[in-house]
Amino acid sequence: MVSPQTTPDLAPPSSTDPAQASPQPTEVLAGSIERVTFHNPENGFCVLRIKARGHRDLVTVVGHAAEISAGEWVTVSGAWVNSREHGQQFKAAFLRSSPPTTAEGIEKYLGSGMIRGIGPIYASKLVAAFGDQVFEVIEQAPERLREVPGIGPVRGQRISQSWADQKVVREIMVFLHSHGVGTARAVRIFKTYGNDAVQVMAENPYRLARDIRGIGFRTADAIAARVGIEPEAMIRLRAGINYALLEASGDGHCGLPSAELLKLAGELLAVERPSGSLDETGASSRVPLEAGLIQSALDLELAEGSVIADVLGGQPAIFLAHLHRDERRIAASLQSLAVGCPPWGSIDAAKAIPWVEQRLGLELAASQNQAVGQALASKVLVITGGPGVGKTTLINAILRILAAKKLRILLCAPTGRAAKRMAETTGLEAKTIHRLLEFDPAAHAFKRNAEQPLECDLLVVDETSMVDVPLMASLLEALPAKAALLLVGDVDQLP
């Protein structure tokens, strides 16, 4: 009843995507930055006011930049958008900046605080001393900085080093842009790899799909083609194996039979025929890669432990390592929880059922009577069925009986909507699983775990079939060994 986790690939749409057929018109603006209204150094998001060519008034530009400063010259490409709150803005998909060339721009740039050791006062002194040659002095003859009163060896070294750092950032961004990487993604790549970004991109761009959330195989594959990585390169084939398993996880599979995986990977890694080339039917098609090459890639992935070999339905199968590990964690947790008596001890169902029927003002069906009796005697129970079969009535009956025993009961569901509906139907508080486990965004981990378990005697999980494998593993890990577990779901909701 648990779904594997999927990671969306946020690559641009392919040429067959209908959204690609009518893209927004792209426009290019160029001008000097008058003011940096906002800049988030973590993700590069920025709001700029620029004096653009051909525009009388200042233009508001929204985009991304690793580093940005007033006085710089920027070239941006994108489209105009109307914000209800902020009015007309230019949304930049690509943003390239370069040092200013005018004395006014240079002074504003140096005085912005972008270059360590220089503030507005020293910026004015430097421009007065060296004019529009000040950047050449900083880069090629930094010892001349001491000609400016107040700049000694220490400050001069700080200025020179800061300028060198800025130059590295600029060169990396230019490299990424030249290989088709949009500015927002370029910033995330730079933030992840720092000065090694160019080396990573040149040697193995498929690391992007593994290391950076929101960048998938298709994006990395397009970049790899631009930097000259061959379609048969082993790093591409190995990344394709993982991509095929991720695609399968989107259909609800934690693993695939080996033969099926090789076939799927071959289709996903197929290479387009040269332009104008046709197959024997006269239609353009994709050329599949040799099965032997893909098998070699799979062998390397198995040897490294990125994927795991196991048996599925009597057939050899391959799993993504983290999903295989989490499935085993789930199995071990359920096996451990099922041992022993429920925390409420022995309850006489023959007495409890008439009591709860009176409290609820209804009569349970024979199958519901049987289910209540089984629930009261079990530590782990699954209730499944489609809409209208009486799951809600059954759960309310069980909860009413156990609440009368003063037990600590926790209710949760994978989504906020499901949790709200659960609270409305039971009259008890219900939370999302992430909220229940106290997700910490900074650590990207749950505070509730085996070391700090949930405080409950019974945990009820609704819409269990929609909980992905890693989340279920974390939830069960945080459940005390003495607690009972009630899983509710509908098998028809499975992906």
Protein backbone atom coordinates (compact mmCIF):
# COMPACT_ATOMS: atom_id res chain seq x y z
CA MET A 1 0.00 0.00 0.00
CA VAL A 2 3.07 2.23 -0.01
CA SER A 3 4.25 4.17 -3.04
CA PRO A 4 7.89 4.67 -3.97
CA GLN A 5 9.22 8.19 -3.75
CA THR A 6 9.53 10.09 -7.01
CA THR A 7 11.73 13.06 -7.83
CA PRO A 8 10.34 15.35 -10.55
CA ASP A 9 12.65 16.33 -13.39
CA LEU A 10 12.18 20.03 -13.92
CA ALA A 11 13.89 20.07 -17.28
CA PRO A 12 12.51 22.31 -20.03
CA PRO A 13 9.72 20.67 -22.03
CA SER A 14 10.72 18.54 -24.99
CA SER A 15 9.94 19.50 -28.55
CA THR A 16 6.86 17.31 -28.44
CA ASP A 17 5.46 19.17 -25.46
CA PRO A 18 2.51 21.31 -26.55
CA ALA A 19 3.70 24.03 -24.22
CA GLN A 20 6.84 24.26 -26.33
CA ALA A 21 4.87 25.02 -29.45
CA SER A 22 3.85 28.49 -28.30
CA PRO A 23 6.55 29.87 -25.98
CA GLN A 24 6.33 33.35 -24.51
CA PRO A 25 8.04 35.94 -26.71
CA THR A 26 11.62 36.50 -25.53
CA GLU A 27 13.03 40.01 -25.31
CA VAL A 28 16.52 41.25 -24.47
CA LEU A 29 17.26 44.23 -22.24
CA ALA A 30 20.64 45.78 -21.47
CA GLY A 31 21.58 48.51 -19.06
CA SER A 32 23.29 49.50 -15.83
CA ILE A 33 22.05 48.50 -12.37
CA GLU A 34 20.96 51.56 -10.44
CA ARG A 35 19.87 49.66 -7.35
CA VAL A 36 19.79 46.10 -6.03
CA THR A 37 16.39 46.12 -4.31
CA PHE A 38 16.74 42.54 -3.06
CA HIS A 39 19.21 39.69 -3.35
CA ASN A 40 19.04 36.30 -1.63
CA PRO A 41 22.58 34.88 -1.55
CA GLU A 42 21.25 31.37 -0.83
CA ASN A 43 19.34 30.86 -4.08
CA GLY A 44 20.46 33.92 -6.05
CA PHE A 45 16.96 35.42 -6.42
CA CYS A 46 17.20 39.14 -7.00
CA VAL A 47 15.12 42.21 -7.78
CA LEU A 48 16.99 44.91 -9.68
CA ARG A 49 16.23 48.41 -10.85
CA ILE A 50 18.11 49.02 -14.08
CA LYS A 51 18.56 51.93 -16.43
CA ALA A 52 17.87 50.08 -19.67
CA ARG A 53 18.59 51.22 -23.19
CA GLY A 54 15.47 52.50 -24.92
CA HIS A 55 13.53 52.99 -21.68
CA ARG A 56 13.03 56.40 -20.12
CA ASP A 57 12.10 55.09 -16.66
CA LEU A 58 13.93 52.58 -14.53
CA VAL A 59 12.94 48.98 -15.24
CA THR A 60 12.33 46.37 -12.53
CA VAL A 61 14.06 43.09 -13.38
CA VAL A 62 13.41 39.87 -11.45
CA GLY A 63 15.89 37.03 -11.91
CA HIS A 64 18.76 35.10 -10.38
CA ALA A 65 22.44 35.93 -9.94
CA ALA A 66 25.17 34.38 -7.81
CA GLU A 67 26.61 37.83 -7.12
CA ILE A 68 25.18 41.18 -8.21
CA SER A 69 25.94 44.81 -7.46
CA ALA A 70 24.81 48.32 -8.32
CA GLY A 71 26.87 49.83 -11.11
CA GLU A 72 27.27 46.58 -13.05
CA TRP A 73 26.18 46.32 -16.65
CA VAL A 74 23.60 43.57 -17.22
CA THR A 75 22.15 41.88 -20.25
CA VAL A 76 18.95 39.96 -19.55
CA SER A 77 16.64 37.87 -21.72
CA GLY A 78 13.12 36.96 -20.77
CA ALA A 79 9.60 38.36 -20.91
CA TRP A 80 7.46 41.10 -19.41
CA VAL A 81 5.00 40.07 -16.71
CA ASN A 82 2.36 41.99 -14.79
CA SER A 83 2.41 41.52 -11.02
CA ARG A 84 -0.79 42.43 -9.20
CA GLU A 85 1.28 43.68 -6.27
CA HIS A 86 4.34 45.17 -7.98
CA GLY A 87 3.10 46.12 -11.45
CA GLN A 88 5.02 45.51 -14.67
CA GLN A 89 8.31 43.62 -14.28
CA PHE A 90 10.79 41.96 -16.59
CA LYS A 91 11.26 38.30 -15.65
CA ALA A 92 14.75 37.23 -16.69
CA ALA A 93 15.48 33.64 -17.68
CA PHE A 94 19.10 34.53 -18.39
CA LEU A 95 21.05 37.29 -16.66
CA ARG A 96 24.64 38.17 -17.48
CA SER A 97 26.50 40.88 -15.64
CA SER A 98 29.83 42.55 -16.31
CA PRO A 99 31.85 45.26 -14.57
CA PRO A 100 30.85 48.82 -15.46
CA THR A 101 32.93 50.95 -17.84
CA THR A 102 31.93 54.51 -16.90
CA ALA A 103 33.49 56.38 -13.98
CA GLU A 104 30.08 56.80 -12.33
CA GLY A 105 29.25 53.11 -12.72
CA ILE A 106 32.69 52.02 -11.49
CA GLU A 107 32.41 54.14 -8.35
CA LYS A 108 28.91 52.81 -7.64
CA TYR A 109 30.08 49.22 -8.18
CA LEU A 110 33.17 49.52 -5.99
CA GLY A 111 31.23 51.34 -3.27
CA SER A 112 28.47 48.70 -3.12
CA GLY A 113 30.40 46.45 -0.72
CA MET A 114 30.81 43.72 -3.35
CA ILE A 115 34.61 44.01 -3.18
CA ARG A 116 35.88 43.51 0.36
CA GLY A 117 38.03 46.36 1.62
CA ILE A 118 36.30 49.04 -0.46
CA GLY A 119 33.44 51.24 0.69
CA PRO A 120 31.98 54.41 -0.83
CA ILE A 121 34.90 56.60 0.39
CA TYR A 122 37.65 54.36 -0.97
CA ALA A 123 35.64 53.81 -4.16
CA SER A 124 35.69 57.57 -4.77
CA LYS A 125 39.43 57.75 -4.04
CA LEU A 126 40.25 54.84 -6.36
CA VAL A 127 38.27 56.28 -9.27
CA ALA A 128 39.88 59.67 -8.70
CA ALA A 129 43.33 58.05 -8.75
CA PHE A 130 42.97 55.59 -11.64
CA GLY A 131 39.82 56.54 -13.53
CA ASP A 132 38.39 53.82 -15.79
CA GLN A 133 41.66 51.86 -15.44
CA VAL A 134 40.94 50.96 -11.81
CA PHE A 135 39.92 47.35 -12.57
CA GLU A 136 43.15 46.73 -14.53
CA VAL A 137 45.13 48.12 -11.59
CA ILE A 138 43.37 45.82 -9.11
CA GLU A 139 43.88 42.77 -11.31
CA GLN A 140 47.27 43.34 -12.91
CA ALA A 141 49.14 45.79 -10.65
CA PRO A 142 47.59 45.50 -7.17
CA GLU A 143 50.71 46.99 -5.58
CA ARG A 144 49.66 50.36 -7.06
CA LEU A 145 46.60 50.39 -4.77
CA ARG A 146 48.94 51.69 -2.05
CA GLU A 147 49.18 54.95 -3.99
CA VAL A 148 45.73 55.73 -2.58
CA PRO A 149 45.97 57.24 0.93
CA GLY A 150 44.70 54.80 3.57
CA ILE A 151 45.23 51.61 1.54
CA GLY A 152 48.09 49.61 3.02
CA PRO A 153 49.35 46.06 2.37
CA VAL A 154 46.56 44.34 4.31
CA ARG A 155 43.67 46.24 2.71
CA GLY A 156 45.32 46.00 -0.69
CA GLN A 157 45.61 42.21 -0.38
CA ARG A 158 41.97 41.97 0.72
CA ILE A 159 40.84 44.01 -2.31
CA SER A 160 42.95 41.96 -4.72
CA GLN A 161 41.71 38.60 -3.35
CA SER A 162 38.06 39.70 -3.37
CA TRP A 163 38.37 40.84 -6.99
CA ALA A 164 39.89 37.47 -7.95
CA ASP A 165 37.01 35.64 -6.23
CA GLN A 166 34.46 37.73 -8.11
CA LYS A 167 36.22 37.00 -11.38
CA VAL A 168 36.01 33.24 -10.73
CA VAL A 169 32.27 33.52 -10.07
CA ARG A 170 31.78 35.51 -13.26
CA GLU A 171 33.75 33.02 -15.37
CA ILE A 172 31.77 30.08 -13.96
CA MET A 173 28.46 31.78 -14.71
CA VAL A 174 29.61 32.58 -18.27
CA PHE A 175 30.57 28.91 -18.76
CA LEU A 176 27.22 27.67 -17.50
CA HIS A 177 25.29 30.16 -19.63
CA SER A 178 27.30 29.19 -22.71
CA HIS A 179 26.16 25.60 -22.25
CA GLY A 180 22.47 26.42 -22.13
CA VAL A 181 22.01 26.55 -18.36
CA GLY A 182 19.47 29.17 -17.27
CA THR A 183 20.54 31.65 -14.61
CA ALA A 184 18.43 30.20 -11.78
CA ARG A 185 19.91 26.75 -12.31
CA ALA A 186 23.37 28.19 -12.84
CA VAL A 187 23.20 29.83 -9.42
CA ARG A 188 22.17 26.56 -7.77
CA ILE A 189 24.99 24.72 -9.53
CA PHE A 190 27.51 27.32 -8.38
CA LYS A 191 26.16 27.25 -4.81
CA THR A 192 26.50 23.45 -4.78
CA TYR A 193 29.96 23.06 -6.30
CA GLY A 194 31.55 26.47 -5.84
CA ASN A 195 34.79 26.88 -7.78
CA ASP A 196 34.59 23.23 -8.91
CA ALA A 197 31.39 23.86 -10.90
CA VAL A 198 33.15 24.02 -14.29
CA GLN A 199 35.13 20.84 -13.56
CA VAL A 200 31.99 18.95 -12.51
CA MET A 201 30.10 20.10 -15.60
CA ALA A 202 32.94 19.13 -17.90
CA GLU A 203 33.72 15.73 -16.34
CA ASN A 204 30.32 14.40 -15.23
CA PRO A 205 27.28 16.66 -15.60
CA TYR A 206 25.07 13.73 -14.56
CA ARG A 207 26.11 14.53 -10.99
CA LEU A 208 23.68 17.45 -11.23
CA ALA A 209 20.72 15.05 -11.27
CA ARG A 210 22.05 13.30 -8.19
CA ASP A 211 23.19 16.31 -6.16
CA ILE A 212 20.78 19.14 -6.97
CA ARG A 213 17.07 18.91 -6.20
CA GLY A 214 14.92 19.82 -9.18
CA ILE A 215 17.51 18.90 -11.83
CA GLY A 216 16.82 15.53 -13.41
CA PHE A 217 18.38 13.26 -15.98
CA ARG A 218 16.93 15.02 -19.01
CA THR A 219 18.42 18.36 -17.98
CA ALA A 220 21.79 16.80 -17.18
CA ASP A 221 21.71 14.84 -20.45
CA ALA A 222 21.13 17.99 -22.49
CA ILE A 223 24.07 19.69 -20.75
CA ALA A 224 26.24 16.59 -21.29
CA ALA A 225 25.56 16.72 -25.03
CA ARG A 226 26.62 20.37 -25.08
CA VAL A 227 29.93 19.67 -23.33
CA GLY A 228 30.72 16.85 -25.75
CA ILE A 229 29.93 13.69 -23.78
CA GLU A 230 29.22 10.84 -26.20
CA PRO A 231 25.84 9.00 -26.12
CA GLU A 232 27.69 5.71 -25.44
CA ALA A 233 29.78 7.15 -22.58
CA MET A 234 29.61 4.93 -19.51
CA ILE A 235 28.74 7.86 -17.20
CA ARG A 236 25.67 8.52 -19.37
CA LEU A 237 24.60 4.87 -19.42
CA ARG A 238 25.03 4.51 -15.65
CA ALA A 239 22.97 7.65 -15.05
CA GLY A 240 20.39 6.25 -17.47
CA ILE A 241 20.00 3.09 -15.36
CA ASN A 242 19.08 5.23 -12.36
CA TYR A 243 16.79 7.37 -14.51
CA ALA A 244 14.94 4.28 -15.76
CA LEU A 245 14.36 3.09 -12.19
CA LEU A 246 13.16 6.56 -11.18
CA GLU A 247 10.74 6.58 -14.11
CA ALA A 248 9.44 3.19 -12.99
CA SER A 249 9.03 4.45 -9.43
CA GLY A 250 6.65 7.06 -10.82
CA ASP A 251 4.43 4.15 -11.86
CA GLY A 252 4.56 2.65 -8.37
CA HIS A 253 7.49 0.24 -8.78
CA CYS A 254 10.30 0.12 -6.24
CA GLY A 255 12.22 -2.23 -8.52
CA LEU A 256 12.03 -3.85 -11.94
CA PRO A 257 12.83 -7.30 -13.32
CA SER A 258 16.35 -7.10 -14.78
CA ALA A 259 15.23 -7.78 -18.36
CA GLU A 260 12.51 -5.15 -18.13
CA LEU A 261 14.97 -2.60 -16.72
CA LEU A 262 17.46 -3.17 -19.54
CA LYS A 263 14.70 -2.76 -22.11
CA LEU A 264 13.38 0.45 -20.50
CA ALA A 265 16.87 1.91 -20.11
CA GLY A 266 17.60 1.14 -23.76
CA GLU A 267 14.49 3.04 -24.83
CA LEU A 268 15.21 6.03 -22.59
CA LEU A 269 18.86 6.22 -23.67
CA ALA A 270 18.10 5.80 -27.39
CA VAL A 271 19.88 8.27 -29.65
CA GLU A 272 18.15 10.40 -32.27
CA ARG A 273 19.05 9.55 -35.87
CA PRO A 274 20.98 12.27 -37.72
CA SER A 275 18.78 14.98 -39.21
CA GLY A 276 17.16 13.76 -42.43
CA SER A 277 17.87 10.09 -41.68
CA LEU A 278 14.96 7.67 -42.03
CA ASP A 279 14.49 4.04 -41.02
CA GLU A 280 13.37 1.27 -43.38
CA THR A 281 9.73 2.33 -43.04
CA GLY A 282 10.55 5.84 -44.16
CA ALA A 283 9.95 7.33 -40.71
CA SER A 284 12.37 9.20 -38.50
CA SER A 285 13.19 7.23 -35.35
CA ARG A 286 15.55 6.82 -32.41
CA VAL A 287 18.44 4.37 -32.49
CA PRO A 288 18.56 2.07 -29.43
CA LEU A 289 21.92 1.47 -27.78
CA GLU A 290 23.47 -1.98 -27.67
CA ALA A 291 22.13 -4.14 -24.84
CA GLY A 292 25.68 -5.20 -23.98
CA LEU A 293 26.68 -1.61 -23.23
CA ILE A 294 23.70 -1.09 -20.92
CA GLN A 295 24.42 -4.41 -19.17
CA SER A 296 28.00 -3.25 -18.57
CA ALA A 297 26.68 -0.02 -17.07
CA LEU A 298 24.32 -1.99 -14.85
CA ASP A 299 27.19 -4.21 -13.67
CA LEU A 300 29.16 -1.11 -12.65
CA GLU A 301 26.16 0.34 -10.78
CA LEU A 302 25.71 -2.97 -8.95
CA ALA A 303 29.38 -3.11 -8.04
CA GLU A 304 29.27 0.43 -6.67
CA GLY A 305 26.07 -0.22 -4.70
CA SER A 306 23.97 2.46 -6.37
CA VAL A 307 21.45 -0.23 -7.27
CA ILE A 308 20.70 -3.54 -5.57
CA ALA A 309 19.98 -6.96 -7.07
CA ASP A 310 17.21 -9.01 -5.45
CA VAL A 311 14.44 -11.42 -6.44
CA LEU A 312 10.97 -10.16 -7.33
CA GLY A 313 8.21 -12.66 -8.02
CA GLY A 314 10.79 -15.38 -8.65
CA GLN A 315 12.68 -13.24 -11.18
CA PRO A 316 15.99 -11.40 -10.76
CA ALA A 317 15.23 -7.73 -10.18
CA ILE A 318 17.04 -4.45 -9.68
CA PHE A 319 16.17 -1.78 -7.09
CA LEU A 320 17.42 1.71 -6.40
CA ALA A 321 19.57 1.29 -3.29
CA HIS A 322 17.69 3.77 -1.11
CA LEU A 323 14.26 2.30 -1.98
CA HIS A 324 15.48 -1.24 -1.37
CA ARG A 325 16.95 -0.18 1.97
CA ASP A 326 13.73 1.60 2.99
CA GLU A 327 11.54 -1.35 2.00
CA ARG A 328 13.64 -3.58 4.25
CA ARG A 329 13.32 -1.02 7.05
CA ILE A 330 9.53 -1.08 6.66
CA ALA A 331 9.44 -4.89 6.74
CA ALA A 332 11.66 -5.04 9.83
CA SER A 333 9.57 -2.39 11.62
CA LEU A 334 6.28 -4.14 10.88
CA GLN A 335 7.69 -7.48 11.96
CA SER A 336 8.90 -5.96 15.25
CA LEU A 337 5.61 -4.11 15.90
CA ALA A 338 3.49 -7.20 15.33
CA VAL A 339 5.15 -9.06 18.20
CA GLY A 340 3.40 -9.11 21.58
CA CYS A 341 0.07 -7.97 22.95
CA PRO A 342 -1.58 -4.63 22.16
CA PRO A 343 -0.87 -1.89 24.72
CA TRP A 344 -4.48 -1.90 25.95
CA GLY A 345 -4.31 -5.55 26.99
CA SER A 346 -7.40 -7.75 26.61
CA ILE A 347 -10.77 -6.19 25.67
CA ASP A 348 -13.95 -8.25 25.52
CA ALA A 349 -15.31 -7.47 22.03
CA ALA A 350 -18.67 -9.06 22.88
CA LYS A 351 -19.22 -6.34 25.49
CA ALA A 352 -17.37 -3.50 23.75
CA ILE A 353 -19.29 -3.67 20.46
CA PRO A 354 -22.82 -3.26 21.90
CA TRP A 355 -21.45 -0.45 24.07
CA VAL A 356 -20.00 1.45 21.14
CA GLU A 357 -23.09 0.85 18.98
CA GLN A 358 -25.16 2.54 21.68
CA ARG A 359 -22.73 5.46 21.89
CA LEU A 360 -22.67 5.94 18.12
CA GLY A 361 -26.40 5.34 17.67
CA LEU A 362 -25.99 2.71 14.96
CA GLU A 363 -25.71 -1.02 14.38
CA LEU A 364 -22.51 -2.40 12.90
CA ALA A 365 -22.68 -4.90 10.05
CA ALA A 366 -21.46 -8.45 10.63
CA SER A 367 -18.20 -7.76 8.73
CA GLN A 368 -17.65 -4.58 10.80
CA ASN A 369 -18.27 -6.54 14.03
CA GLN A 370 -15.61 -9.00 12.95
CA ALA A 371 -13.16 -6.22 12.03
CA VAL A 372 -13.63 -4.44 15.38
CA GLY A 373 -12.95 -7.69 17.23
CA GLN A 374 -9.82 -8.29 15.18
CA ALA A 375 -8.60 -4.72 15.73
CA LEU A 376 -9.00 -4.98 19.50
CA ALA A 377 -6.86 -8.14 19.52
CA SER A 378 -4.11 -6.96 17.13
CA LYS A 379 -1.05 -4.73 17.32
CA VAL A 380 -0.90 -4.20 13.56
CA LEU A 381 -4.05 -4.06 11.42
CA VAL A 382 -4.83 -2.98 7.85
CA ILE A 383 -8.30 -1.73 6.93
CA THR A 384 -8.81 -1.42 3.20
CA GLY A 385 -11.76 -0.74 0.94
CA GLY A 386 -13.18 1.73 -1.54
CA PRO A 387 -15.43 4.70 -0.79
CA GLY A 388 -18.76 3.92 0.89
CA VAL A 389 -17.85 0.50 2.32
CA GLY A 390 -17.96 1.68 5.94
CA LYS A 391 -14.31 2.34 6.76
CA THR A 392 -15.10 5.61 8.55
CA THR A 393 -17.78 4.00 10.75
CA LEU A 394 -15.44 1.13 11.56
CA ILE A 395 -12.55 3.42 12.50
CA ASN A 396 -14.80 5.61 14.66
CA ALA A 397 -16.02 2.53 16.53
CA ILE A 398 -12.47 1.32 17.19
CA LEU A 399 -11.29 4.77 18.28
CA ARG A 400 -14.30 5.31 20.56
CA ILE A 401 -13.62 2.01 22.37
CA LEU A 402 -9.89 2.66 22.77
CA ALA A 403 -10.34 6.31 23.77
CA ALA A 404 -12.51 5.10 26.66
CA LYS A 405 -9.42 3.22 27.88
CA LYS A 406 -7.53 6.57 28.13
CA LEU A 407 -5.01 5.52 25.50
CA ARG A 408 -2.73 7.99 23.72
CA ILE A 409 -3.95 8.02 20.13
CA LEU A 410 -2.29 9.82 17.21
CA LEU A 411 -3.91 10.30 13.80
CA CYS A 412 -2.07 11.26 10.61
CA ALA A 413 -2.34 11.29 6.82
CA PRO A 414 0.05 12.12 3.96
CA THR A 415 -1.69 15.36 2.94
CA GLY A 416 -3.20 18.32 4.74
CA ARG A 417 -6.55 17.76 3.06
CA ALA A 418 -6.67 14.11 4.16
CA ALA A 419 -5.66 15.04 7.70
CA LYS A 420 -8.39 17.69 7.88
CA ARG A 421 -11.00 15.23 6.63
CA MET A 422 -9.79 12.67 9.16
CA ALA A 423 -10.16 15.17 12.01
CA GLU A 424 -13.68 16.10 10.88
CA THR A 425 -14.88 12.47 10.72
CA THR A 426 -13.31 11.31 14.00
CA GLY A 427 -13.54 14.44 16.14
CA LEU A 428 -9.87 13.97 17.07
CA GLU A 429 -6.82 15.99 16.07
CA ALA A 430 -5.07 14.72 12.94
CA LYS A 431 -1.79 15.91 11.43
CA THR A 432 0.16 15.44 8.25
CA ILE A 433 2.93 12.87 8.60
CA HIS A 434 5.60 15.54 8.15
CA ARG A 435 4.08 17.65 10.92
CA LEU A 436 3.70 14.63 13.19
CA LEU A 437 7.34 13.69 12.71
CA GLU A 438 8.38 17.36 13.18
CA PHE A 439 10.21 17.89 9.92
CA ASP A 440 13.21 20.22 10.23
CA PRO A 441 13.76 22.07 6.91
CA ALA A 442 17.23 23.26 7.93
CA ALA A 443 18.48 19.73 8.61
CA HIS A 444 16.16 18.20 5.98
CA ALA A 445 15.34 15.50 8.52
CA PHE A 446 12.69 14.52 11.05
CA LYS A 447 13.13 15.30 14.74
CA ARG A 448 11.01 12.27 15.63
CA ASN A 449 12.92 9.03 15.05
CA ALA A 450 14.07 5.88 16.84
CA GLU A 451 16.01 7.97 19.38
CA GLN A 452 13.11 10.38 19.96
CA PRO A 453 9.99 8.30 19.20
CA LEU A 454 6.37 9.42 19.07
CA GLU A 455 4.49 9.38 22.36
CA CYS A 456 1.48 7.18 21.63
CA ASP A 457 -0.17 3.84 22.26
CA LEU A 458 -1.91 3.75 18.88
CA LEU A 459 -1.02 5.36 15.56
CA VAL A 460 -3.71 5.55 12.86
CA VAL A 461 -2.56 6.34 9.31
CA ASP A 462 -5.19 7.23 6.72
CA GLU A 463 -4.70 7.05 2.93
CA THR A 464 -1.73 4.76 3.53
CA SER A 465 -1.57 3.76 -0.13
CA MET A 466 -0.46 7.32 -0.95
CA VAL A 467 2.48 7.35 1.48
CA ASP A 468 5.81 6.91 -0.30
CA VAL A 469 8.34 4.32 0.80
CA PRO A 470 10.96 6.62 2.43
CA LEU A 471 8.27 8.47 4.40
CA MET A 472 6.68 5.25 5.62
CA ALA A 473 10.09 3.96 6.70
CA SER A 474 10.68 7.13 8.73
CA LEU A 475 7.18 6.98 10.26
CA LEU A 476 7.50 3.37 11.40
CA GLU A 477 10.99 4.01 12.72
CA ALA A 478 9.57 6.72 15.00
CA LEU A 479 6.82 4.48 16.38
CA PRO A 480 7.53 2.96 19.84
CA ALA A 481 7.90 -0.82 19.83
CA LYS A 482 5.03 -1.23 22.32
CA ALA A 483 2.58 0.87 20.27
CA ALA A 484 -0.13 -0.49 17.97
CA LEU A 485 -0.55 0.51 14.32
CA LEU A 486 -3.74 0.87 12.27
CA LEU A 487 -3.27 1.43 8.53
CA VAL A 488 -6.26 2.61 6.52
CA GLY A 489 -6.36 2.87 2.74
CA ASP A 490 -7.80 2.04 -0.63
CA VAL A 491 -5.82 -0.23 -2.94
CA ASP A 492 -7.42 1.44 -5.95
CA GLN A 493 -5.55 4.65 -5.06
CA LEU A 494 -2.22 2.98 -5.76
CA PRO A 495 -0.32 4.56 -8.65
